[in-house]
Amino acid sequence: MNHDSWSLWRAQVAAILRLEIKKNFLAKRGLWIYLLAAAPVVLMWVHAALNLRDHRVCDLGHDSLIFAAMFQFFYLRLAIFFGCVGVFLRLFRGEMMEKSLHYYLLAPVRREVLLVGKYLAGVITTSIIFCTGTALALIALLVHVPRTAAEQYLFAGGGLGHVLAYIGTAALACIGYGGVFLLMGFLFRNPVVPVVLVFLWEGANPFLPALLKRLSVIFYLHSLIPISVPAQGDFAFLAILSTPTPAYLAVAGLLLIALAGLWLAARQVRKLEINYGVE
């Protein structure tokens, strides 16, 4: 690959990014994704506002556990999961349904370049939405406690590292699930099928053998969460405990899943033929 080709592909990816990011953020069909990201933010800020109004002092440790549970069970398993479904499954399949993908395919752009541009646009869109939601919820966690307690938590109790870990985990979740659902958009015409399959697989992760655990996104995300909330309920005893993966291996595992999804999707996009009559 010579320098001129690299410069051309980089310029094309940048152009696709501009088009796709604008399309993703302004799409009316994606308003529900903002609602998913905003749900924990609203709950945390209502909680903070009520405590400020009544001059109540909350237990920061207890509230941190509540946020950890909310982040682990709602944000990662539901909000970001379905947010990535809404964005990445539609990158190609959605445009085929809307009969607009051929405009891209008729342009003098390599299909792999188009794939990378669309994927990066999806990652940027979902990361901005969910990382912003995570940050706003964490601000609400700290705004209604005494300033000295907040400063001690952030700078002496390792809280700042927790904040960065939560935001980074949200971004990595978008990267990992983005690669999975980008591929699923090529393999399945009916979006319900891949969503159900992946959702069940991710949900069953705590009960899988150690080797199979590593074939899911949520396994690596759990290794990055600062405060992990154990599985509870009648079937919690079935959960198979495994040694947490070091952070650098968890990040590498998520990136490998995303790259594998991109590589397999690139093989599919080379064979893609537009026939709107059967879509």
C-alpha atoms as a PDB file:
ATOM      1  CA  MET A   1       0.000   0.000   0.000  1.00  0.00           C
ATOM      2  CA  ASN A   2       1.610   3.257  -1.122  1.00  0.00           C
ATOM      3  CA  HIS A   3       1.289   6.658   0.514  1.00  0.00           C
ATOM      4  CA  ASP A   4      -1.144   8.001  -2.096  1.00  0.00           C
ATOM      5  CA  SER A   5      -3.562   5.106  -1.544  1.00  0.00           C
ATOM      6  CA  TRP A   6      -3.400   5.543   2.207  1.00  0.00           C
ATOM      7  CA  SER A   7      -4.070   9.280   1.908  1.00  0.00           C
ATOM      8  CA  LEU A   8      -7.016   8.652  -0.408  1.00  0.00           C
ATOM      9  CA  TRP A   9      -8.572   6.032   1.878  1.00  0.00           C
ATOM     10  CA  ARG A  10      -8.099   8.260   4.912  1.00  0.00           C
ATOM     11  CA  ALA A  11      -9.820  11.151   3.138  1.00  0.00           C
ATOM     12  CA  GLN A  12     -12.672   8.867   2.076  1.00  0.00           C
ATOM     13  CA  VAL A  13     -13.133   7.513   5.607  1.00  0.00           C
ATOM     14  CA  ALA A  14     -13.239  11.102   6.907  1.00  0.00           C
ATOM     15  CA  ALA A  15     -15.891  12.041   4.334  1.00  0.00           C
ATOM     16  CA  ILE A  16     -17.994   8.980   5.212  1.00  0.00           C
ATOM     17  CA  LEU A  17     -17.617   9.805   8.900  1.00  0.00           C
ATOM     18  CA  ARG A  18     -19.010  13.299   8.403  1.00  0.00           C
ATOM     19  CA  LEU A  19     -22.034  12.000   6.513  1.00  0.00           C
ATOM     20  CA  GLU A  20     -22.766   9.088   8.820  1.00  0.00           C
ATOM     21  CA  ILE A  21     -22.289  10.887  12.142  1.00  0.00           C
ATOM     22  CA  LYS A  22     -24.682  13.629  11.053  1.00  0.00           C
ATOM     23  CA  LYS A  23     -27.161  10.990   9.899  1.00  0.00           C
ATOM     24  CA  ASN A  24     -26.874   9.014  13.142  1.00  0.00           C
ATOM     25  CA  PHE A  25     -27.290  11.966  15.485  1.00  0.00           C
ATOM     26  CA  LEU A  26     -30.184  13.562  13.605  1.00  0.00           C
ATOM     27  CA  ALA A  27     -32.148  10.412  12.764  1.00  0.00           C
ATOM     28  CA  LYS A  28     -35.616  10.563  14.316  1.00  0.00           C
ATOM     29  CA  ARG A  29     -35.735   6.781  14.452  1.00  0.00           C
ATOM     30  CA  GLY A  30     -32.838   6.885  16.928  1.00  0.00           C
ATOM     31  CA  LEU A  31     -34.530   9.058  19.564  1.00  0.00           C
ATOM     32  CA  TRP A  32     -35.180   5.979  21.704  1.00  0.00           C
ATOM     33  CA  ILE A  33     -31.415   5.496  22.045  1.00  0.00           C
ATOM     34  CA  TYR A  34     -31.146   8.896  23.731  1.00  0.00           C
ATOM     35  CA  LEU A  35     -33.944   7.850  26.082  1.00  0.00           C
ATOM     36  CA  LEU A  36     -32.067   4.677  27.014  1.00  0.00           C
ATOM     37  CA  ALA A  37     -28.926   6.675  27.775  1.00  0.00           C
ATOM     38  CA  ALA A  38     -30.872   9.307  29.711  1.00  0.00           C
ATOM     39  CA  ALA A  39     -32.855   6.958  31.978  1.00  0.00           C
ATOM     40  CA  PRO A  40     -30.120   6.463  34.650  1.00  0.00           C
ATOM     41  CA  VAL A  41     -29.175  10.142  34.378  1.00  0.00           C
ATOM     42  CA  VAL A  42     -32.736  11.236  35.176  1.00  0.00           C
ATOM     43  CA  LEU A  43     -32.994   8.819  38.111  1.00  0.00           C
ATOM     44  CA  MET A  44     -29.676   9.918  39.590  1.00  0.00           C
ATOM     45  CA  TRP A  45     -30.448  13.625  39.208  1.00  0.00           C
ATOM     46  CA  VAL A  46     -33.934  13.259  40.693  1.00  0.00           C
ATOM     47  CA  HIS A  47     -32.350  11.471  43.647  1.00  0.00           C
ATOM     48  CA  ALA A  48     -29.758  14.250  43.993  1.00  0.00           C
ATOM     49  CA  ALA A  49     -32.365  17.024  43.695  1.00  0.00           C
ATOM     50  CA  LEU A  50     -34.590  15.496  46.368  1.00  0.00           C
ATOM     51  CA  ASN A  51     -31.663  15.155  48.768  1.00  0.00           C
ATOM     52  CA  LEU A  52     -30.527  18.719  48.132  1.00  0.00           C
ATOM     53  CA  ARG A  53     -34.067  20.005  48.672  1.00  0.00           C
ATOM     54  CA  ASP A  54     -34.474  18.143  51.955  1.00  0.00           C
ATOM     55  CA  HIS A  55     -30.871  18.822  53.063  1.00  0.00           C
ATOM     56  CA  ARG A  56     -30.202  15.113  53.479  1.00  0.00           C
ATOM     57  CA  VAL A  57     -26.654  13.744  53.472  1.00  0.00           C
ATOM     58  CA  CYS A  58     -26.376  10.437  51.612  1.00  0.00           C
ATOM     59  CA  ASP A  59     -23.941   7.600  52.135  1.00  0.00           C
ATOM     60  CA  LEU A  60     -21.606   7.943  49.150  1.00  0.00           C
ATOM     61  CA  GLY A  61     -20.484   4.339  49.464  1.00  0.00           C
ATOM     62  CA  HIS A  62     -24.065   3.073  49.327  1.00  0.00           C
ATOM     63  CA  ASP A  63     -24.903   5.320  46.357  1.00  0.00           C
ATOM     64  CA  SER A  64     -21.761   4.103  44.577  1.00  0.00           C
ATOM     65  CA  LEU A  65     -23.016   0.510  44.904  1.00  0.00           C
ATOM     66  CA  ILE A  66     -26.404   1.539  43.533  1.00  0.00           C
ATOM     67  CA  PHE A  67     -24.729   3.199  40.545  1.00  0.00           C
ATOM     68  CA  ALA A  68     -22.489   0.143  40.019  1.00  0.00           C
ATOM     69  CA  ALA A  69     -25.550  -2.133  39.892  1.00  0.00           C
ATOM     70  CA  MET A  70     -27.350   0.265  37.553  1.00  0.00           C
ATOM     71  CA  PHE A  71     -24.322   0.463  35.263  1.00  0.00           C
ATOM     72  CA  GLN A  72     -23.726  -3.290  35.231  1.00  0.00           C
ATOM     73  CA  PHE A  73     -27.275  -4.571  34.827  1.00  0.00           C
ATOM     74  CA  PHE A  74     -29.007  -1.740  32.958  1.00  0.00           C
ATOM     75  CA  TYR A  75     -26.389   0.287  31.113  1.00  0.00           C
ATOM     76  CA  LEU A  76     -24.188  -2.527  29.850  1.00  0.00           C
ATOM     77  CA  ARG A  77     -26.709  -5.349  29.467  1.00  0.00           C
ATOM     78  CA  LEU A  78     -29.646  -3.296  28.159  1.00  0.00           C
ATOM     79  CA  ALA A  79     -29.004   0.342  27.254  1.00  0.00           C
ATOM     80  CA  ILE A  80     -25.692   0.056  25.404  1.00  0.00           C
ATOM     81  CA  PHE A  81     -26.576  -3.383  24.056  1.00  0.00           C
ATOM     82  CA  PHE A  82     -29.821  -2.243  22.426  1.00  0.00           C
ATOM     83  CA  GLY A  83     -28.341   1.138  21.514  1.00  0.00           C
ATOM     84  CA  CYS A  84     -25.703  -0.673  19.457  1.00  0.00           C
ATOM     85  CA  VAL A  85     -28.434  -2.852  17.967  1.00  0.00           C
ATOM     86  CA  GLY A  86     -30.234   0.278  16.799  1.00  0.00           C
ATOM     87  CA  VAL A  87     -27.139   1.852  15.254  1.00  0.00           C
ATOM     88  CA  PHE A  88     -24.941  -0.945  13.911  1.00  0.00           C
ATOM     89  CA  LEU A  89     -27.591  -3.316  12.583  1.00  0.00           C
ATOM     90  CA  ARG A  90     -28.876  -0.476  10.419  1.00  0.00           C
ATOM     91  CA  LEU A  91     -25.530   0.654   8.993  1.00  0.00           C
ATOM     92  CA  PHE A  92     -25.968  -1.535   5.919  1.00  0.00           C
ATOM     93  CA  ARG A  93     -29.196  -3.482   6.396  1.00  0.00           C
ATOM     94  CA  GLY A  94     -31.135  -0.310   7.209  1.00  0.00           C
ATOM     95  CA  GLU A  95     -29.948   1.455   4.070  1.00  0.00           C
ATOM     96  CA  MET A  96     -30.857  -1.571   2.003  1.00  0.00           C
ATOM     97  CA  MET A  97     -34.362  -1.442   3.460  1.00  0.00           C
ATOM     98  CA  GLU A  98     -34.546   2.278   2.677  1.00  0.00           C
ATOM     99  CA  LYS A  99     -33.145   1.670  -0.839  1.00  0.00           C
ATOM    100  CA  SER A 100     -30.303   4.149  -0.418  1.00  0.00           C
ATOM    101  CA  LEU A 101     -27.199   1.945  -0.087  1.00  0.00           C
ATOM    102  CA  HIS A 102     -26.576   1.883  -3.852  1.00  0.00           C
ATOM    103  CA  TYR A 103     -25.521   5.545  -3.742  1.00  0.00           C
ATOM    104  CA  TYR A 104     -22.507   4.527  -1.665  1.00  0.00           C
ATOM    105  CA  LEU A 105     -21.750   1.450  -3.768  1.00  0.00           C
ATOM    106  CA  LEU A 106     -21.795   3.475  -6.994  1.00  0.00           C
ATOM    107  CA  ALA A 107     -19.212   5.898  -5.599  1.00  0.00           C
ATOM    108  CA  PRO A 108     -15.503   5.266  -6.318  1.00  0.00           C
ATOM    109  CA  VAL A 109     -14.862   3.987  -2.798  1.00  0.00           C
ATOM    110  CA  ARG A 110     -13.552   0.571  -1.801  1.00  0.00           C
ATOM    111  CA  ARG A 111     -16.199  -1.361   0.062  1.00  0.00           C
ATOM    112  CA  GLU A 112     -13.812  -2.064   2.930  1.00  0.00           C
ATOM    113  CA  VAL A 113     -13.221   1.685   3.286  1.00  0.00           C
ATOM    114  CA  LEU A 114     -16.983   2.237   3.354  1.00  0.00           C
ATOM    115  CA  LEU A 115     -17.299  -0.447   6.023  1.00  0.00           C
ATOM    116  CA  VAL A 116     -14.617   1.110   8.232  1.00  0.00           C
ATOM    117  CA  GLY A 117     -16.086   4.586   7.834  1.00  0.00           C
ATOM    118  CA  LYS A 118     -19.574   3.452   8.786  1.00  0.00           C
ATOM    119  CA  TYR A 119     -18.302   1.394  11.722  1.00  0.00           C
ATOM    120  CA  LEU A 120     -16.231   4.277  13.119  1.00  0.00           C
ATOM    121  CA  ALA A 121     -19.203   6.605  12.757  1.00  0.00           C
ATOM    122  CA  GLY A 122     -21.327   4.142  14.727  1.00  0.00           C
ATOM    123  CA  VAL A 123     -18.667   3.847  17.447  1.00  0.00           C
ATOM    124  CA  ILE A 124     -18.318   7.619  17.745  1.00  0.00           C
ATOM    125  CA  THR A 125     -22.082   8.121  17.872  1.00  0.00           C
ATOM    126  CA  THR A 126     -22.815   5.491  20.502  1.00  0.00           C
ATOM    127  CA  SER A 127     -19.715   6.326  22.561  1.00  0.00           C
ATOM    128  CA  ILE A 128     -20.607  10.011  22.761  1.00  0.00           C
ATOM    129  CA  ILE A 129     -24.192   9.234  23.765  1.00  0.00           C
ATOM    130  CA  PHE A 130     -23.454   6.604  26.409  1.00  0.00           C
ATOM    131  CA  CYS A 131     -20.192   8.039  27.759  1.00  0.00           C
ATOM    132  CA  THR A 132     -21.938  11.386  28.225  1.00  0.00           C
ATOM    133  CA  GLY A 133     -24.809   9.633  29.989  1.00  0.00           C
ATOM    134  CA  THR A 134     -22.361   7.810  32.264  1.00  0.00           C
ATOM    135  CA  ALA A 135     -20.516  11.038  33.116  1.00  0.00           C
ATOM    136  CA  LEU A 136     -23.728  12.961  33.872  1.00  0.00           C
ATOM    137  CA  ALA A 137     -24.984  10.171  36.139  1.00  0.00           C
ATOM    138  CA  LEU A 138     -21.656  10.147  38.011  1.00  0.00           C
ATOM    139  CA  ILE A 139     -21.831  13.916  38.449  1.00  0.00           C
ATOM    140  CA  ALA A 140     -25.276  13.487  40.007  1.00  0.00           C
ATOM    141  CA  LEU A 141     -23.744  10.914  42.355  1.00  0.00           C
ATOM    142  CA  LEU A 142     -21.309  13.515  43.709  1.00  0.00           C
ATOM    143  CA  VAL A 143     -23.267  16.763  43.520  1.00  0.00           C
ATOM    144  CA  HIS A 144     -25.446  16.107  46.584  1.00  0.00           C
ATOM    145  CA  VAL A 145     -22.685  15.062  49.004  1.00  0.00           C
ATOM    146  CA  PRO A 146     -20.463  17.455  50.964  1.00  0.00           C
ATOM    147  CA  ARG A 147     -17.612  18.848  48.920  1.00  0.00           C
ATOM    148  CA  THR A 148     -14.971  17.430  51.247  1.00  0.00           C
ATOM    149  CA  ALA A 149     -16.483  13.944  50.939  1.00  0.00           C
ATOM    150  CA  ALA A 150     -16.573  14.204  47.141  1.00  0.00           C
ATOM    151  CA  GLU A 151     -12.952  15.378  46.995  1.00  0.00           C
ATOM    152  CA  GLN A 152     -11.824  12.620  49.345  1.00  0.00           C
ATOM    153  CA  TYR A 153     -13.651  10.033  47.239  1.00  0.00           C
ATOM    154  CA  LEU A 154     -12.173  11.316  43.969  1.00  0.00           C
ATOM    155  CA  PHE A 155      -8.596  12.018  44.973  1.00  0.00           C
ATOM    156  CA  ALA A 156      -7.921   9.884  48.048  1.00  0.00           C
ATOM    157  CA  GLY A 157     -10.326   6.998  47.675  1.00  0.00           C
ATOM    158  CA  GLY A 158      -9.633   6.135  44.039  1.00  0.00           C
ATOM    159  CA  GLY A 159     -12.937   7.554  42.841  1.00  0.00           C
ATOM    160  CA  LEU A 160     -11.393   9.388  39.899  1.00  0.00           C
ATOM    161  CA  GLY A 161     -10.056   6.087  38.602  1.00  0.00           C
ATOM    162  CA  HIS A 162     -13.546   4.621  38.974  1.00  0.00           C
ATOM    163  CA  VAL A 163     -15.046   7.480  36.961  1.00  0.00           C
ATOM    164  CA  LEU A 164     -12.558   6.984  34.134  1.00  0.00           C
ATOM    165  CA  ALA A 165     -13.085   3.206  34.252  1.00  0.00           C
ATOM    166  CA  TYR A 166     -16.873   3.539  33.932  1.00  0.00           C
ATOM    167  CA  ILE A 167     -16.600   5.951  31.001  1.00  0.00           C
ATOM    168  CA  GLY A 168     -13.912   3.835  29.310  1.00  0.00           C
ATOM    169  CA  THR A 169     -15.963   0.665  29.805  1.00  0.00           C
ATOM    170  CA  ALA A 170     -18.979   2.324  28.169  1.00  0.00           C
ATOM    171  CA  ALA A 171     -16.847   3.271  25.147  1.00  0.00           C
ATOM    172  CA  LEU A 172     -15.342  -0.232  24.891  1.00  0.00           C
ATOM    173  CA  ALA A 173     -18.839  -1.745  25.103  1.00  0.00           C
ATOM    174  CA  CYS A 174     -19.801   0.308  22.040  1.00  0.00           C
ATOM    175  CA  ILE A 175     -16.674  -0.894  20.219  1.00  0.00           C
ATOM    176  CA  GLY A 176     -17.261  -4.565  21.076  1.00  0.00           C
ATOM    177  CA  TYR A 177     -21.008  -4.729  20.489  1.00  0.00           C
ATOM    178  CA  GLY A 178     -20.575  -2.566  17.407  1.00  0.00           C
ATOM    179  CA  GLY A 179     -18.336  -5.170  15.777  1.00  0.00           C
ATOM    180  CA  VAL A 180     -20.763  -7.963  16.667  1.00  0.00           C
ATOM    181  CA  PHE A 181     -23.900  -6.259  15.366  1.00  0.00           C
ATOM    182  CA  LEU A 182     -22.211  -4.865  12.261  1.00  0.00           C
ATOM    183  CA  LEU A 183     -21.496  -8.480  11.278  1.00  0.00           C
ATOM    184  CA  MET A 184     -24.988  -9.625  12.255  1.00  0.00           C
ATOM    185  CA  GLY A 185     -26.458  -7.041   9.910  1.00  0.00           C
ATOM    186  CA  PHE A 186     -24.875  -8.916   7.006  1.00  0.00           C
ATOM    187  CA  LEU A 187     -25.702 -12.423   8.182  1.00  0.00           C
ATOM    188  CA  PHE A 188     -29.397 -11.957   9.020  1.00  0.00           C
ATOM    189  CA  ARG A 189     -32.184 -10.190   7.172  1.00  0.00           C
ATOM    190  CA  ASN A 190     -34.514 -10.332  10.167  1.00  0.00           C
ATOM    191  CA  PRO A 191     -32.950  -8.202  12.957  1.00  0.00           C
ATOM    192  CA  VAL A 192     -34.892 -10.012  15.673  1.00  0.00           C
ATOM    193  CA  VAL A 193     -32.925 -13.244  15.190  1.00  0.00           C
ATOM    194  CA  PRO A 194     -29.405 -11.920  15.919  1.00  0.00           C
ATOM    195  CA  VAL A 195     -30.641  -9.700  18.746  1.00  0.00           C
ATOM    196  CA  VAL A 196     -32.284 -12.631  20.535  1.00  0.00           C
ATOM    197  CA  LEU A 197     -29.308 -14.954  19.939  1.00  0.00           C
ATOM    198  CA  VAL A 198     -26.693 -12.491  21.192  1.00  0.00           C
ATOM    199  CA  PHE A 199     -28.864 -11.320  24.102  1.00  0.00           C
ATOM    200  CA  LEU A 200     -29.365 -14.889  25.335  1.00  0.00           C
ATOM    201  CA  TRP A 201     -25.667 -15.704  24.923  1.00  0.00           C
ATOM    202  CA  GLU A 202     -24.563 -12.591  26.807  1.00  0.00           C
ATOM    203  CA  GLY A 203     -27.157 -13.163  29.521  1.00  0.00           C
ATOM    204  CA  ALA A 204     -26.023 -16.762  30.031  1.00  0.00           C
ATOM    205  CA  ASN A 205     -22.375 -15.728  30.453  1.00  0.00           C
ATOM    206  CA  PRO A 206     -22.218 -16.101  34.271  1.00  0.00           C
ATOM    207  CA  PHE A 207     -23.377 -19.721  33.955  1.00  0.00           C
ATOM    208  CA  LEU A 208     -21.052 -20.803  31.132  1.00  0.00           C
ATOM    209  CA  PRO A 209     -17.768 -22.737  31.525  1.00  0.00           C
ATOM    210  CA  ALA A 210     -14.671 -20.549  31.767  1.00  0.00           C
ATOM    211  CA  LEU A 211     -13.614 -21.154  28.152  1.00  0.00           C
ATOM    212  CA  LEU A 212     -17.003 -20.214  26.691  1.00  0.00           C
ATOM    213  CA  LYS A 213     -17.208 -17.095  28.858  1.00  0.00           C
ATOM    214  CA  ARG A 214     -14.382 -15.610  26.794  1.00  0.00           C
ATOM    215  CA  LEU A 215     -16.488 -15.728  23.633  1.00  0.00           C
ATOM    216  CA  SER A 216     -18.750 -12.900  24.783  1.00  0.00           C
ATOM    217  CA  VAL A 217     -18.434  -9.141  25.107  1.00  0.00           C
ATOM    218  CA  ILE A 218     -19.915  -8.894  28.602  1.00  0.00           C
ATOM    219  CA  PHE A 219     -17.198 -11.132  30.090  1.00  0.00           C
ATOM    220  CA  TYR A 220     -14.479  -8.610  29.264  1.00  0.00           C
ATOM    221  CA  LEU A 221     -16.637  -5.650  30.253  1.00  0.00           C
ATOM    222  CA  HIS A 222     -17.203  -7.145  33.707  1.00  0.00           C
ATOM    223  CA  SER A 223     -13.449  -7.371  34.171  1.00  0.00           C
ATOM    224  CA  LEU A 224     -13.197  -3.594  33.625  1.00  0.00           C
ATOM    225  CA  ILE A 225     -15.989  -2.513  35.996  1.00  0.00           C
ATOM    226  CA  PRO A 226     -14.514  -0.904  39.142  1.00  0.00           C
ATOM    227  CA  ILE A 227     -17.230  -2.330  41.426  1.00  0.00           C
ATOM    228  CA  SER A 228     -18.689  -5.670  40.369  1.00  0.00           C
ATOM    229  CA  VAL A 229     -22.123  -6.650  41.689  1.00  0.00           C
ATOM    230  CA  PRO A 230     -22.480 -10.464  41.972  1.00  0.00           C
ATOM    231  CA  ALA A 231     -25.343 -12.369  40.399  1.00  0.00           C
ATOM    232  CA  GLN A 232     -28.338 -12.696  42.711  1.00  0.00           C
ATOM    233  CA  GLY A 233     -31.618 -14.580  42.711  1.00  0.00           C
ATOM    234  CA  ASP A 234     -32.784 -18.164  42.825  1.00  0.00           C
ATOM    235  CA  PHE A 235     -30.296 -19.332  40.183  1.00  0.00           C
ATOM    236  CA  ALA A 236     -27.263 -17.388  41.403  1.00  0.00           C
ATOM    237  CA  PHE A 237     -25.757 -20.587  42.838  1.00  0.00           C
ATOM    238  CA  LEU A 238     -25.389 -21.886  39.270  1.00  0.00           C
ATOM    239  CA  ALA A 239     -23.039 -19.050  38.302  1.00  0.00           C
ATOM    240  CA  ILE A 240     -19.538 -20.320  37.615  1.00  0.00           C
ATOM    241  CA  LEU A 241     -16.928 -18.120  39.243  1.00  0.00           C
ATOM    242  CA  SER A 242     -13.865 -17.350  37.165  1.00  0.00           C
ATOM    243  CA  THR A 243     -10.730 -15.354  37.834  1.00  0.00           C
ATOM    244  CA  PRO A 244     -11.176 -11.747  36.663  1.00  0.00           C
ATOM    245  CA  THR A 245      -9.223 -10.950  33.522  1.00  0.00           C
ATOM    246  CA  PRO A 246      -6.503  -8.284  33.898  1.00  0.00           C
ATOM    247  CA  ALA A 247      -7.572  -4.944  32.419  1.00  0.00           C
ATOM    248  CA  TYR A 248      -5.058  -5.020  29.569  1.00  0.00           C
ATOM    249  CA  LEU A 249      -6.217  -8.500  28.522  1.00  0.00           C
ATOM    250  CA  ALA A 250      -9.872  -7.468  28.800  1.00  0.00           C
ATOM    251  CA  VAL A 251      -9.271  -4.461  26.535  1.00  0.00           C
ATOM    252  CA  ALA A 252      -7.347  -6.661  24.097  1.00  0.00           C
ATOM    253  CA  GLY A 253     -10.176  -9.223  24.138  1.00  0.00           C
ATOM    254  CA  LEU A 254     -12.789  -6.576  23.308  1.00  0.00           C
ATOM    255  CA  LEU A 255     -10.663  -5.161  20.503  1.00  0.00           C
ATOM    256  CA  LEU A 256     -10.129  -8.657  19.087  1.00  0.00           C
ATOM    257  CA  ILE A 257     -13.892  -9.287  19.077  1.00  0.00           C
ATOM    258  CA  ALA A 258     -14.447  -5.981  17.289  1.00  0.00           C
ATOM    259  CA  LEU A 259     -11.672  -6.678  14.765  1.00  0.00           C
ATOM    260  CA  ALA A 260     -12.991 -10.196  14.136  1.00  0.00           C
ATOM    261  CA  GLY A 261     -16.438  -8.744  13.472  1.00  0.00           C
ATOM    262  CA  LEU A 262     -14.962  -6.159  11.105  1.00  0.00           C
ATOM    263  CA  TRP A 263     -12.871  -8.751   9.262  1.00  0.00           C
ATOM    264  CA  LEU A 264     -15.802 -11.104   8.769  1.00  0.00           C
ATOM    265  CA  ALA A 265     -18.050  -8.190   7.777  1.00  0.00           C
ATOM    266  CA  ALA A 266     -15.417  -7.105   5.218  1.00  0.00           C
ATOM    267  CA  ARG A 267     -15.644 -10.559   3.633  1.00  0.00           C
ATOM    268  CA  GLN A 268     -19.409 -10.147   3.422  1.00  0.00           C
ATOM    269  CA  VAL A 269     -19.350  -6.610   2.043  1.00  0.00           C
ATOM    270  CA  ARG A 270     -17.125  -7.701  -0.872  1.00  0.00           C
ATOM    271  CA  LYS A 271     -19.869 -10.118  -1.944  1.00  0.00           C
ATOM    272  CA  LEU A 272     -22.732  -7.711  -1.316  1.00  0.00           C
ATOM    273  CA  GLU A 273     -25.159  -7.342  -4.213  1.00  0.00           C
ATOM    274  CA  ILE A 274     -28.047  -4.921  -4.226  1.00  0.00           C
ATOM    275  CA  ASN A 275     -31.406  -6.434  -5.099  1.00  0.00           C
ATOM    276  CA  TYR A 276     -34.051  -4.320  -3.443  1.00  0.00           C
ATOM    277  CA  GLY A 277     -36.775  -6.559  -4.771  1.00  0.00           C
ATOM    278  CA  VAL A 278     -35.956  -9.297  -2.259  1.00  0.00           C
ATOM    279  CA  GLU A 279     -35.171  -7.105   0.738  1.00  0.00           C
END
